[in-house]
Full PDB file with SEQRES, HELIX, SHEET, SSBOND, CRYST1, ORIGX, SCALE, CONECT and MASTER records, all heavy atoms in Angstrom:
SEQRES   1 A   38  ASN THR THR ALA ALA THR ILE PRO LEU CYS LEU TYR ASP          
SEQRES   2 A   38  TRP GLN GLU GLN LEU ASP TYR GLY ASP ASN LEU ILE LEU          
SEQRES   3 A   38  ALA ALA PHE GLY GLY GLY PHE THR TRP GLY ALA ILE              
HELIX    1 AA1 THR A    3  ALA A    5  5                                   3    
HELIX    2 AA2 THR A    6  TRP A   14  1                                   9    
HELIX    3 AA3 GLN A   15  GLN A   17  5                                   3    
SHEET    1 AA1 2 ALA A  27  GLY A  30  0                                        
SHEET    2 AA1 2 THR A  34  ALA A  37 -1                                        
CRYST1    1.000    1.000    1.000  90.00  90.00  90.00 P 1           1          
ORIGX1      1.000000  0.000000  0.000000        0.00000                         
ORIGX2      0.000000  1.000000  0.000000        0.00000                         
ORIGX3      0.000000  0.000000  1.000000        0.00000                         
SCALE1      1.000000  0.000000  0.000000        0.00000                         
SCALE2      0.000000  1.000000  0.000000        0.00000                         
SCALE3      0.000000  0.000000  1.000000        0.00000                         
ATOM      1  N   ASN A   1     110.164  92.543 103.699  1.00  0.00           N  
ATOM      2  CA  ASN A   1     109.762  92.202 105.060  1.00  0.00           C  
ATOM      3  C   ASN A   1     110.726  92.875 106.031  1.00  0.00           C  
ATOM      4  O   ASN A   1     111.884  92.462 106.156  1.00  0.00           O  
ATOM      5  CB  ASN A   1     109.781  90.683 105.235  1.00  0.00           C  
ATOM      6  CG  ASN A   1     109.346  90.236 106.619  1.00  0.00           C  
ATOM      7  OD1 ASN A   1     109.166  91.047 107.525  1.00  0.00           O  
ATOM      8  ND2 ASN A   1     109.183  88.937 106.803  1.00  0.00           N  
ATOM      9  N   THR A   2     110.271  93.886 106.727  1.00  0.00           N  
ATOM     10  CA  THR A   2     111.099  94.602 107.707  1.00  0.00           C  
ATOM     11  C   THR A   2     110.844  94.089 109.118  1.00  0.00           C  
ATOM     12  O   THR A   2     111.141  94.763 110.103  1.00  0.00           O  
ATOM     13  CB  THR A   2     110.837  96.115 107.641  1.00  0.00           C  
ATOM     14  OG1 THR A   2     109.430  96.366 107.797  1.00  0.00           O  
ATOM     15  CG2 THR A   2     111.317  96.699 106.322  1.00  0.00           C  
ATOM     16  N   THR A   3     110.291  92.901 109.238  1.00  0.00           N  
ATOM     17  CA  THR A   3     110.072  92.175 110.492  1.00  0.00           C  
ATOM     18  C   THR A   3     109.202  92.991 111.454  1.00  0.00           C  
ATOM     19  O   THR A   3     108.034  93.179 111.179  1.00  0.00           O  
ATOM     20  CB  THR A   3     111.421  91.747 111.100  1.00  0.00           C  
ATOM     21  OG1 THR A   3     112.130  91.004 110.089  1.00  0.00           O  
ATOM     22  CG2 THR A   3     111.253  90.822 112.291  1.00  0.00           C  
ATOM     23  N   ALA A   4     109.727  93.509 112.545  1.00  0.00           N  
ATOM     24  CA  ALA A   4     108.896  94.219 113.527  1.00  0.00           C  
ATOM     25  C   ALA A   4     108.405  95.570 113.030  1.00  0.00           C  
ATOM     26  O   ALA A   4     107.531  96.179 113.655  1.00  0.00           O  
ATOM     27  CB  ALA A   4     109.669  94.401 114.834  1.00  0.00           C  
ATOM     28  N   ALA A   5     108.940  96.045 111.918  1.00  0.00           N  
ATOM     29  CA  ALA A   5     108.582  97.386 111.443  1.00  0.00           C  
ATOM     30  C   ALA A   5     107.452  97.402 110.426  1.00  0.00           C  
ATOM     31  O   ALA A   5     106.944  98.475 110.081  1.00  0.00           O  
ATOM     32  CB  ALA A   5     109.809  98.071 110.839  1.00  0.00           C  
ATOM     33  N   THR A   6     107.008  96.247 109.936  1.00  0.00           N  
ATOM     34  CA  THR A   6     106.083  96.266 108.796  1.00  0.00           C  
ATOM     35  C   THR A   6     104.743  96.928 109.117  1.00  0.00           C  
ATOM     36  O   THR A   6     104.251  97.752 108.345  1.00  0.00           O  
ATOM     37  CB  THR A   6     105.813  94.842 108.264  1.00  0.00           C  
ATOM     38  OG1 THR A   6     105.140  94.073 109.250  1.00  0.00           O  
ATOM     39  CG2 THR A   6     107.087  94.148 107.851  1.00  0.00           C  
ATOM     40  N   ILE A   7     104.146  96.583 110.236  1.00  0.00           N  
ATOM     41  CA  ILE A   7     102.812  97.116 110.554  1.00  0.00           C  
ATOM     42  C   ILE A   7     102.847  98.617 110.847  1.00  0.00           C  
ATOM     43  O   ILE A   7     102.027  99.369 110.302  1.00  0.00           O  
ATOM     44  CB  ILE A   7     102.161  96.301 111.683  1.00  0.00           C  
ATOM     45  CG1 ILE A   7     101.735  94.929 111.134  1.00  0.00           C  
ATOM     46  CG2 ILE A   7     100.963  97.036 112.289  1.00  0.00           C  
ATOM     47  CD1 ILE A   7     101.146  93.990 112.159  1.00  0.00           C  
ATOM     48  N   PRO A   8     103.774  99.109 111.681  1.00  0.00           N  
ATOM     49  CA  PRO A   8     103.792 100.570 111.867  1.00  0.00           C  
ATOM     50  C   PRO A   8     104.157 101.324 110.595  1.00  0.00           C  
ATOM     51  O   PRO A   8     103.701 102.462 110.407  1.00  0.00           O  
ATOM     52  CB  PRO A   8     104.839 100.778 112.973  1.00  0.00           C  
ATOM     53  CG  PRO A   8     105.672  99.548 112.974  1.00  0.00           C  
ATOM     54  CD  PRO A   8     104.734  98.437 112.571  1.00  0.00           C  
ATOM     55  N   LEU A   9     104.948 100.720 109.701  1.00  0.00           N  
ATOM     56  CA  LEU A   9     105.229 101.381 108.430  1.00  0.00           C  
ATOM     57  C   LEU A   9     103.965 101.469 107.577  1.00  0.00           C  
ATOM     58  O   LEU A   9     103.752 102.466 106.872  1.00  0.00           O  
ATOM     59  CB  LEU A   9     106.330 100.633 107.671  1.00  0.00           C  
ATOM     60  CG  LEU A   9     107.761 100.880 108.157  1.00  0.00           C  
ATOM     61  CD1 LEU A   9     108.745  99.962 107.429  1.00  0.00           C  
ATOM     62  CD2 LEU A   9     108.168 102.336 107.975  1.00  0.00           C  
ATOM     63  N   CYS A  10     103.120 100.444 107.639  1.00  0.00           N  
ATOM     64  CA  CYS A  10     101.826 100.523 106.943  1.00  0.00           C  
ATOM     65  C   CYS A  10     100.981 101.664 107.516  1.00  0.00           C  
ATOM     66  O   CYS A  10     100.393 102.455 106.770  1.00  0.00           O  
ATOM     67  CB  CYS A  10     101.078  99.199 107.072  1.00  0.00           C  
ATOM     68  SG  CYS A  10     101.597  97.910 105.933  1.00  0.00           S  
ATOM     69  N   LEU A  11     100.899 101.736 108.834  1.00  0.00           N  
ATOM     70  CA  LEU A  11     100.107 102.798 109.465  1.00  0.00           C  
ATOM     71  C   LEU A  11     100.630 104.170 109.069  1.00  0.00           C  
ATOM     72  O   LEU A  11      99.852 105.107 108.843  1.00  0.00           O  
ATOM     73  CB  LEU A  11     100.128 102.640 110.985  1.00  0.00           C  
ATOM     74  CG  LEU A  11      99.432 101.397 111.544  1.00  0.00           C  
ATOM     75  CD1 LEU A  11      99.616 101.316 113.053  1.00  0.00           C  
ATOM     76  CD2 LEU A  11      97.938 101.392 111.198  1.00  0.00           C  
ATOM     77  N   TYR A  12     101.949 104.298 108.974  1.00  0.00           N  
ATOM     78  CA  TYR A  12     102.531 105.576 108.562  1.00  0.00           C  
ATOM     79  C   TYR A  12     102.145 105.898 107.120  1.00  0.00           C  
ATOM     80  O   TYR A  12     101.704 107.007 106.814  1.00  0.00           O  
ATOM     81  CB  TYR A  12     104.050 105.554 108.709  1.00  0.00           C  
ATOM     82  CG  TYR A  12     104.683 106.858 108.313  1.00  0.00           C  
ATOM     83  CD1 TYR A  12     104.813 107.899 109.235  1.00  0.00           C  
ATOM     84  CD2 TYR A  12     105.117 107.083 107.006  1.00  0.00           C  
ATOM     85  CE1 TYR A  12     105.358 109.113 108.861  1.00  0.00           C  
ATOM     86  CE2 TYR A  12     105.661 108.295 106.623  1.00  0.00           C  
ATOM     87  CZ  TYR A  12     105.789 109.304 107.559  1.00  0.00           C  
ATOM     88  OH  TYR A  12     106.325 110.520 107.189  1.00  0.00           O  
ATOM     89  N   ASP A  13     102.308 104.931 106.229  1.00  0.00           N  
ATOM     90  CA  ASP A  13     102.043 105.175 104.815  1.00  0.00           C  
ATOM     91  C   ASP A  13     100.576 105.480 104.536  1.00  0.00           C  
ATOM     92  O   ASP A  13     100.256 106.214 103.590  1.00  0.00           O  
ATOM     93  CB  ASP A  13     102.467 103.955 103.992  1.00  0.00           C  
ATOM     94  CG  ASP A  13     103.973 103.867 103.795  1.00  0.00           C  
ATOM     95  OD1 ASP A  13     104.684 104.807 104.197  1.00  0.00           O  
ATOM     96  OD2 ASP A  13     104.446 102.843 103.249  1.00  0.00           O  
ATOM     97  N   TRP A  14      99.680 104.916 105.336  1.00  0.00           N  
ATOM     98  CA  TRP A  14      98.237 105.062 105.074  1.00  0.00           C  
ATOM     99  C   TRP A  14      97.551 106.081 105.992  1.00  0.00           C  
ATOM    100  O   TRP A  14      96.339 106.254 105.902  1.00  0.00           O  
ATOM    101  CB  TRP A  14      97.532 103.712 105.212  1.00  0.00           C  
ATOM    102  CG  TRP A  14      97.375 102.987 103.916  1.00  0.00           C  
ATOM    103  CD1 TRP A  14      96.291 102.988 103.084  1.00  0.00           C  
ATOM    104  CD2 TRP A  14      98.352 102.148 103.282  1.00  0.00           C  
ATOM    105  NE1 TRP A  14      96.518 102.208 101.989  1.00  0.00           N  
ATOM    106  CE2 TRP A  14      97.782 101.675 102.079  1.00  0.00           C  
ATOM    107  CE3 TRP A  14      99.640 101.743 103.623  1.00  0.00           C  
ATOM    108  CZ2 TRP A  14      98.461 100.825 101.214  1.00  0.00           C  
ATOM    109  CZ3 TRP A  14     100.318 100.905 102.760  1.00  0.00           C  
ATOM    110  CH2 TRP A  14      99.737 100.454 101.577  1.00  0.00           C  
ATOM    111  N   GLN A  15      98.294 106.758 106.856  1.00  0.00           N  
ATOM    112  CA  GLN A  15      97.635 107.585 107.870  1.00  0.00           C  
ATOM    113  C   GLN A  15      96.746 108.674 107.276  1.00  0.00           C  
ATOM    114  O   GLN A  15      95.718 109.030 107.866  1.00  0.00           O  
ATOM    115  CB  GLN A  15      98.664 108.200 108.816  1.00  0.00           C  
ATOM    116  CG  GLN A  15      99.695 109.104 108.179  1.00  0.00           C  
ATOM    117  CD  GLN A  15     100.711 109.607 109.190  1.00  0.00           C  
ATOM    118  OE1 GLN A  15     100.356 110.026 110.280  1.00  0.00           O  
ATOM    119  NE2 GLN A  15     101.981 109.547 108.832  1.00  0.00           N  
ATOM    120  N   GLU A  16      97.095 109.171 106.101  1.00  0.00           N  
ATOM    121  CA  GLU A  16      96.264 110.208 105.470  1.00  0.00           C  
ATOM    122  C   GLU A  16      94.959 109.637 104.924  1.00  0.00           C  
ATOM    123  O   GLU A  16      94.009 110.384 104.679  1.00  0.00           O  
ATOM    124  CB  GLU A  16      97.045 110.903 104.348  1.00  0.00           C  
ATOM    125  CG  GLU A  16      98.301 111.629 104.811  1.00  0.00           C  
ATOM    126  CD  GLU A  16      98.008 112.706 105.844  1.00  0.00           C  
ATOM    127  OE1 GLU A  16      96.951 113.368 105.720  1.00  0.00           O  
ATOM    128  OE2 GLU A  16      98.819 112.896 106.771  1.00  0.00           O  
ATOM    129  N   GLN A  17      94.899 108.332 104.736  1.00  0.00           N  
ATOM    130  CA  GLN A  17      93.683 107.708 104.220  1.00  0.00           C  
ATOM    131  C   GLN A  17      92.792 107.150 105.328  1.00  0.00           C  
ATOM    132  O   GLN A  17      91.679 106.690 105.052  1.00  0.00           O  
ATOM    133  CB  GLN A  17      94.054 106.573 103.259  1.00  0.00           C  
ATOM    134  CG  GLN A  17      94.846 107.026 102.046  1.00  0.00           C  
ATOM    135  CD  GLN A  17      95.192 105.873 101.133  1.00  0.00           C  
ATOM    136  OE1 GLN A  17      94.337 105.098 100.727  1.00  0.00           O  
ATOM    137  NE2 GLN A  17      96.469 105.753 100.806  1.00  0.00           N  
ATOM    138  N   LEU A  18      93.288 107.179 106.563  1.00  0.00           N  
ATOM    139  CA  LEU A  18      92.517 106.646 107.678  1.00  0.00           C  
ATOM    140  C   LEU A  18      91.559 107.703 108.203  1.00  0.00           C  
ATOM    141  O   LEU A  18      91.945 108.857 108.435  1.00  0.00           O  
ATOM    142  CB  LEU A  18      93.454 106.189 108.804  1.00  0.00           C  
ATOM    143  CG  LEU A  18      94.365 105.014 108.467  1.00  0.00           C  
ATOM    144  CD1 LEU A  18      95.326 104.741 109.617  1.00  0.00           C  
ATOM    145  CD2 LEU A  18      93.555 103.779 108.144  1.00  0.00           C  
ATOM    146  N   ASP A  19      90.315 107.302 108.403  1.00  0.00           N  
ATOM    147  CA  ASP A  19      89.299 108.205 108.932  1.00  0.00           C  
ATOM    148  C   ASP A  19      89.041 107.901 110.406  1.00  0.00           C  
ATOM    149  O   ASP A  19      89.144 106.748 110.848  1.00  0.00           O  
ATOM    150  CB  ASP A  19      87.989 108.052 108.152  1.00  0.00           C  
ATOM    151  CG  ASP A  19      88.113 108.524 106.717  1.00  0.00           C  
ATOM    152  OD1 ASP A  19      88.849 109.510 106.476  1.00  0.00           O  
ATOM    153  OD2 ASP A  19      87.500 107.904 105.831  1.00  0.00           O  
ATOM    154  N   TYR A  20      88.722 108.931 111.136  1.00  0.00           N  
ATOM    155  CA  TYR A  20      88.407 108.785 112.557  1.00  0.00           C  
ATOM    156  C   TYR A  20      87.290 107.753 112.731  1.00  0.00           C  
ATOM    157  O   TYR A  20      86.265 107.809 112.055  1.00  0.00           O  
ATOM    158  CB  TYR A  20      87.972 110.133 113.117  1.00  0.00           C  
ATOM    159  CG  TYR A  20      87.526 110.109 114.557  1.00  0.00           C  
ATOM    160  CD1 TYR A  20      88.444 110.113 115.589  1.00  0.00           C  
ATOM    161  CD2 TYR A  20      86.167 110.085 114.868  1.00  0.00           C  
ATOM    162  CE1 TYR A  20      88.037 110.101 116.908  1.00  0.00           C  
ATOM    163  CE2 TYR A  20      85.740 110.068 116.191  1.00  0.00           C  
ATOM    164  CZ  TYR A  20      86.687 110.074 117.201  1.00  0.00           C  
ATOM    165  OH  TYR A  20      86.273 110.050 118.504  1.00  0.00           O  
ATOM    166  N   GLY A  21      87.501 106.782 113.591  1.00  0.00           N  
ATOM    167  CA  GLY A  21      86.500 105.751 113.849  1.00  0.00           C  
ATOM    168  C   GLY A  21      86.610 104.528 112.971  1.00  0.00           C  
ATOM    169  O   GLY A  21      85.854 103.557 113.164  1.00  0.00           O  
ATOM    170  N   ASP A  22      87.555 104.517 112.022  1.00  0.00           N  
ATOM    171  CA  ASP A  22      87.737 103.337 111.158  1.00  0.00           C  
ATOM    172  C   ASP A  22      88.080 102.095 111.992  1.00  0.00           C  
ATOM    173  O   ASP A  22      88.878 102.163 112.930  1.00  0.00           O  
ATOM    174  CB  ASP A  22      88.877 103.575 110.163  1.00  0.00           C  
ATOM    175  CG  ASP A  22      88.420 104.278 108.900  1.00  0.00           C  
ATOM    176  OD1 ASP A  22      87.211 104.493 108.737  1.00  0.00           O  
ATOM    177  OD2 ASP A  22      89.288 104.614 108.072  1.00  0.00           O  
ATOM    178  N   ASN A  23      87.488 100.969 111.610  1.00  0.00           N  
ATOM    179  CA  ASN A  23      87.829  99.692 112.233  1.00  0.00           C  
ATOM    180  C   ASN A  23      89.017  99.070 111.505  1.00  0.00           C  
ATOM    181  O   ASN A  23      88.950  98.814 110.302  1.00  0.00           O  
ATOM    182  CB  ASN A  23      86.644  98.724 112.171  1.00  0.00           C  
ATOM    183  CG  ASN A  23      85.498  99.148 113.059  1.00  0.00           C  
ATOM    184  OD1 ASN A  23      85.708  99.610 114.181  1.00  0.00           O  
ATOM    185  ND2 ASN A  23      84.274  99.005 112.567  1.00  0.00           N  
ATOM    186  N   LEU A  24      90.093  98.819 112.251  1.00  0.00           N  
ATOM    187  CA  LEU A  24      91.296  98.223 111.697  1.00  0.00           C  
ATOM    188  C   LEU A  24      91.554  96.874 112.354  1.00  0.00           C  
ATOM    189  O   LEU A  24      91.393  96.731 113.570  1.00  0.00           O  
ATOM    190  CB  LEU A  24      92.526  99.114 111.933  1.00  0.00           C  
ATOM    191  CG  LEU A  24      92.818 100.253 110.954  1.00  0.00           C  
ATOM    192  CD1 LEU A  24      91.654 101.239 110.882  1.00  0.00           C  
ATOM    193  CD2 LEU A  24      94.104 100.975 111.361  1.00  0.00           C  
ATOM    194  N   ILE A  25      91.952  95.895 111.538  1.00  0.00           N  
ATOM    195  CA  ILE A  25      92.438  94.622 112.051  1.00  0.00           C  
ATOM    196  C   ILE A  25      93.922  94.532 111.712  1.00  0.00           C  
ATOM    197  O   ILE A  25      94.300  94.552 110.542  1.00  0.00           O  
ATOM    198  CB  ILE A  25      91.702  93.420 111.433  1.00  0.00           C  
ATOM    199  CG1 ILE A  25      90.199  93.484 111.729  1.00  0.00           C  
ATOM    200  CG2 ILE A  25      92.304  92.109 111.952  1.00  0.00           C  
ATOM    201  CD1 ILE A  25      89.830  93.278 113.185  1.00  0.00           C  
ATOM    202  N   LEU A  26      94.760  94.458 112.741  1.00  0.00           N  
ATOM    203  CA  LEU A  26      96.196  94.296 112.582  1.00  0.00           C  
ATOM    204  C   LEU A  26      96.522  92.826 112.812  1.00  0.00           C  
ATOM    205  O   LEU A  26      96.084  92.250 113.813  1.00  0.00           O  
ATOM    206  CB  LEU A  26      96.963  95.150 113.591  1.00  0.00           C  
ATOM    207  CG  LEU A  26      97.061  96.667 113.375  1.00  0.00           C  
ATOM    208  CD1 LEU A  26      95.709  97.332 113.207  1.00  0.00           C  
ATOM    209  CD2 LEU A  26      97.835  97.325 114.523  1.00  0.00           C  
ATOM    210  N   ALA A  27      97.279  92.214 111.908  1.00  0.00           N  
ATOM    211  CA  ALA A  27      97.558  90.783 112.028  1.00  0.00           C  
ATOM    212  C   ALA A  27      99.002  90.493 111.654  1.00  0.00           C  
ATOM    213  O   ALA A  27      99.552  91.105 110.729  1.00  0.00           O  
ATOM    214  CB  ALA A  27      96.617  89.972 111.138  1.00  0.00           C  
ATOM    215  N   ALA A  28      99.609  89.533 112.368  1.00  0.00           N  
ATOM    216  CA  ALA A  28     101.003  89.187 112.087  1.00  0.00           C  
ATOM    217  C   ALA A  28     101.281  87.737 112.429  1.00  0.00           C  
ATOM    218  O   ALA A  28     100.583  87.122 113.246  1.00  0.00           O  
ATOM    219  CB  ALA A  28     101.945  90.099 112.874  1.00  0.00           C  
ATOM    220  N   PHE A  29     102.329  87.215 111.806  1.00  0.00           N  
ATOM    221  CA  PHE A  29     102.839  85.882 112.110  1.00  0.00           C  
ATOM    222  C   PHE A  29     104.351  85.949 112.051  1.00  0.00           C  
ATOM    223  O   PHE A  29     104.922  86.571 111.147  1.00  0.00           O  
ATOM    224  CB  PHE A  29     102.341  84.851 111.096  1.00  0.00           C  
ATOM    225  CG  PHE A  29     102.777  83.442 111.415  1.00  0.00           C  
ATOM    226  CD1 PHE A  29     101.946  82.595 112.120  1.00  0.00           C  
ATOM    227  CD2 PHE A  29     104.037  82.977 111.033  1.00  0.00           C  
ATOM    228  CE1 PHE A  29     102.349  81.297 112.441  1.00  0.00           C  
ATOM    229  CE2 PHE A  29     104.445  81.690 111.336  1.00  0.00           C  
ATOM    230  CZ  PHE A  29     103.598  80.852 112.044  1.00  0.00           C  
ATOM    231  N   GLY A  30     105.026  85.301 113.024  1.00  0.00           N  
ATOM    232  CA  GLY A  30     106.475  85.351 113.037  1.00  0.00           C  
ATOM    233  C   GLY A  30     107.106  84.115 113.631  1.00  0.00           C  
ATOM    234  O   GLY A  30     106.428  83.204 114.118  1.00  0.00           O  
ATOM    235  N   GLY A  31     108.431  84.096 113.582  1.00  0.00           N  
ATOM    236  CA  GLY A  31     109.182  82.984 114.138  1.00  0.00           C  
ATOM    237  C   GLY A  31     108.863  82.781 115.600  1.00  0.00           C  
ATOM    238  O   GLY A  31     108.564  83.725 116.323  1.00  0.00           O  
ATOM    239  N   GLY A  32     108.922  81.546 115.984  1.00  0.00           N  
ATOM    240  CA  GLY A  32     108.620  81.243 117.393  1.00  0.00           C  
ATOM    241  C   GLY A  32     107.923  79.911 117.638  1.00  0.00           C  
ATOM    242  O   GLY A  32     108.333  79.180 118.482  1.00  0.00           O  
ATOM    243  N   PHE A  33     106.831  79.568 116.963  1.00  0.00           N  
ATOM    244  CA  PHE A  33     106.037  80.431 116.114  1.00  0.00           C  
ATOM    245  C   PHE A  33     105.173  81.371 116.962  1.00  0.00           C  
ATOM    246  O   PHE A  33     104.634  80.953 117.988  1.00  0.00           O  
ATOM    247  CB  PHE A  33     105.117  79.612 115.190  1.00  0.00           C  
ATOM    248  CG  PHE A  33     105.827  78.865 114.112  1.00  0.00           C  
ATOM    249  CD1 PHE A  33     105.734  77.494 114.013  1.00  0.00           C  
ATOM    250  CD2 PHE A  33     106.591  79.540 113.181  1.00  0.00           C  
ATOM    251  CE1 PHE A  33     106.375  76.791 112.994  1.00  0.00           C  
ATOM    252  CE2 PHE A  33     107.231  78.860 112.159  1.00  0.00           C  
ATOM    253  CZ  PHE A  33     107.131  77.471 112.072  1.00  0.00           C  
ATOM    254  N   THR A  34     105.017  82.596 116.513  1.00  0.00           N  
ATOM    255  CA  THR A  34     104.172  83.571 117.192  1.00  0.00           C  
ATOM    256  C   THR A  34     103.192  84.160 116.193  1.00  0.00           C  
ATOM    257  O   THR A  34     103.519  84.333 115.023  1.00  0.00           O  
ATOM    258  CB  THR A  34     105.025  84.721 117.761  1.00  0.00           C  
ATOM    259  OG1 THR A  34     105.699  85.393 116.667  1.00  0.00           O  
ATOM    260  CG2 THR A  34     106.067  84.218 118.745  1.00  0.00           C  
ATOM    261  N   TRP A  35     101.981  84.438 116.645  1.00  0.00           N  
ATOM    262  CA  TRP A  35     101.040  85.135 115.770  1.00  0.00           C  
ATOM    263  C   TRP A  35      99.948  85.788 116.603  1.00  0.00           C  
ATOM    264  O   TRP A  35      99.771  85.487 117.785  1.00  0.00           O  
ATOM    265  CB  TRP A  35     100.461  84.212 114.704  1.00  0.00           C  
ATOM    266  CG  TRP A  35      99.550  83.103 115.122  1.00  0.00           C  
ATOM    267  CD1 TRP A  35      98.187  83.095 115.070  1.00  0.00           C  
ATOM    268  CD2 TRP A  35      99.928  81.796 115.618  1.00  0.00           C  
ATOM    269  NE1 TRP A  35      97.701  81.874 115.492  1.00  0.00           N  
ATOM    270  CE2 TRP A  35      98.747  81.064 115.835  1.00  0.00           C  
ATOM    271  CE3 TRP A  35     101.156  81.191 115.897  1.00  0.00           C  
ATOM    272  CZ2 TRP A  35      98.739  79.761 116.323  1.00  0.00           C  
ATOM    273  CZ3 TRP A  35     101.165  79.889 116.383  1.00  0.00           C  
ATOM    274  CH2 TRP A  35      99.977  79.185 116.586  1.00  0.00           C  
ATOM    275  N   GLY A  36      99.226  86.712 115.966  1.00  0.00           N  
ATOM    276  CA  GLY A  36      98.176  87.394 116.707  1.00  0.00           C  
ATOM    277  C   GLY A  36      97.488  88.444 115.861  1.00  0.00           C  
ATOM    278  O   GLY A  36      97.868  88.707 114.713  1.00  0.00           O  
ATOM    279  N   ALA A  37      96.451  89.029 116.445  1.00  0.00           N  
ATOM    280  CA  ALA A  37      95.694  90.090 115.777  1.00  0.00           C  
ATOM    281  C   ALA A  37      95.174  91.068 116.811  1.00  0.00           C  
ATOM    282  O   ALA A  37      94.916  90.706 117.967  1.00  0.00           O  
ATOM    283  CB  ALA A  37      94.539  89.504 114.960  1.00  0.00           C  
ATOM    284  N   ILE A  38      95.033  92.304 116.393  1.00  0.00           N  
ATOM    285  CA  ILE A  38      94.491  93.373 117.237  1.00  0.00           C  
ATOM    286  C   ILE A  38      93.373  94.067 116.477  1.00  0.00           C  
ATOM    287  O   ILE A  38      93.503  94.344 115.277  1.00  0.00           O  
ATOM    288  CB  ILE A  38      95.586  94.398 117.603  1.00  0.00           C  
ATOM    289  CG1 ILE A  38      96.601  93.785 118.584  1.00  0.00           C  
ATOM    290  CG2 ILE A  38      94.982  95.674 118.201  1.00  0.00           C  
ATOM    291  CD1 ILE A  38      97.768  94.689 118.920  1.00  0.00           C  
TER     292      ILE A  38                                                      
MASTER        0    0    0    3    2    0    0    6  291    1    0    3          
END                                                                             
């Protein structure tokens, strides 16, 4: 768990597999409590 870095690291690792127009759901939960999705 790299905290604020996990989601962009996923996007970096998978960028070659992402196709133009793909629908992505980004989701997170953290201390606070804070959570959300894009």
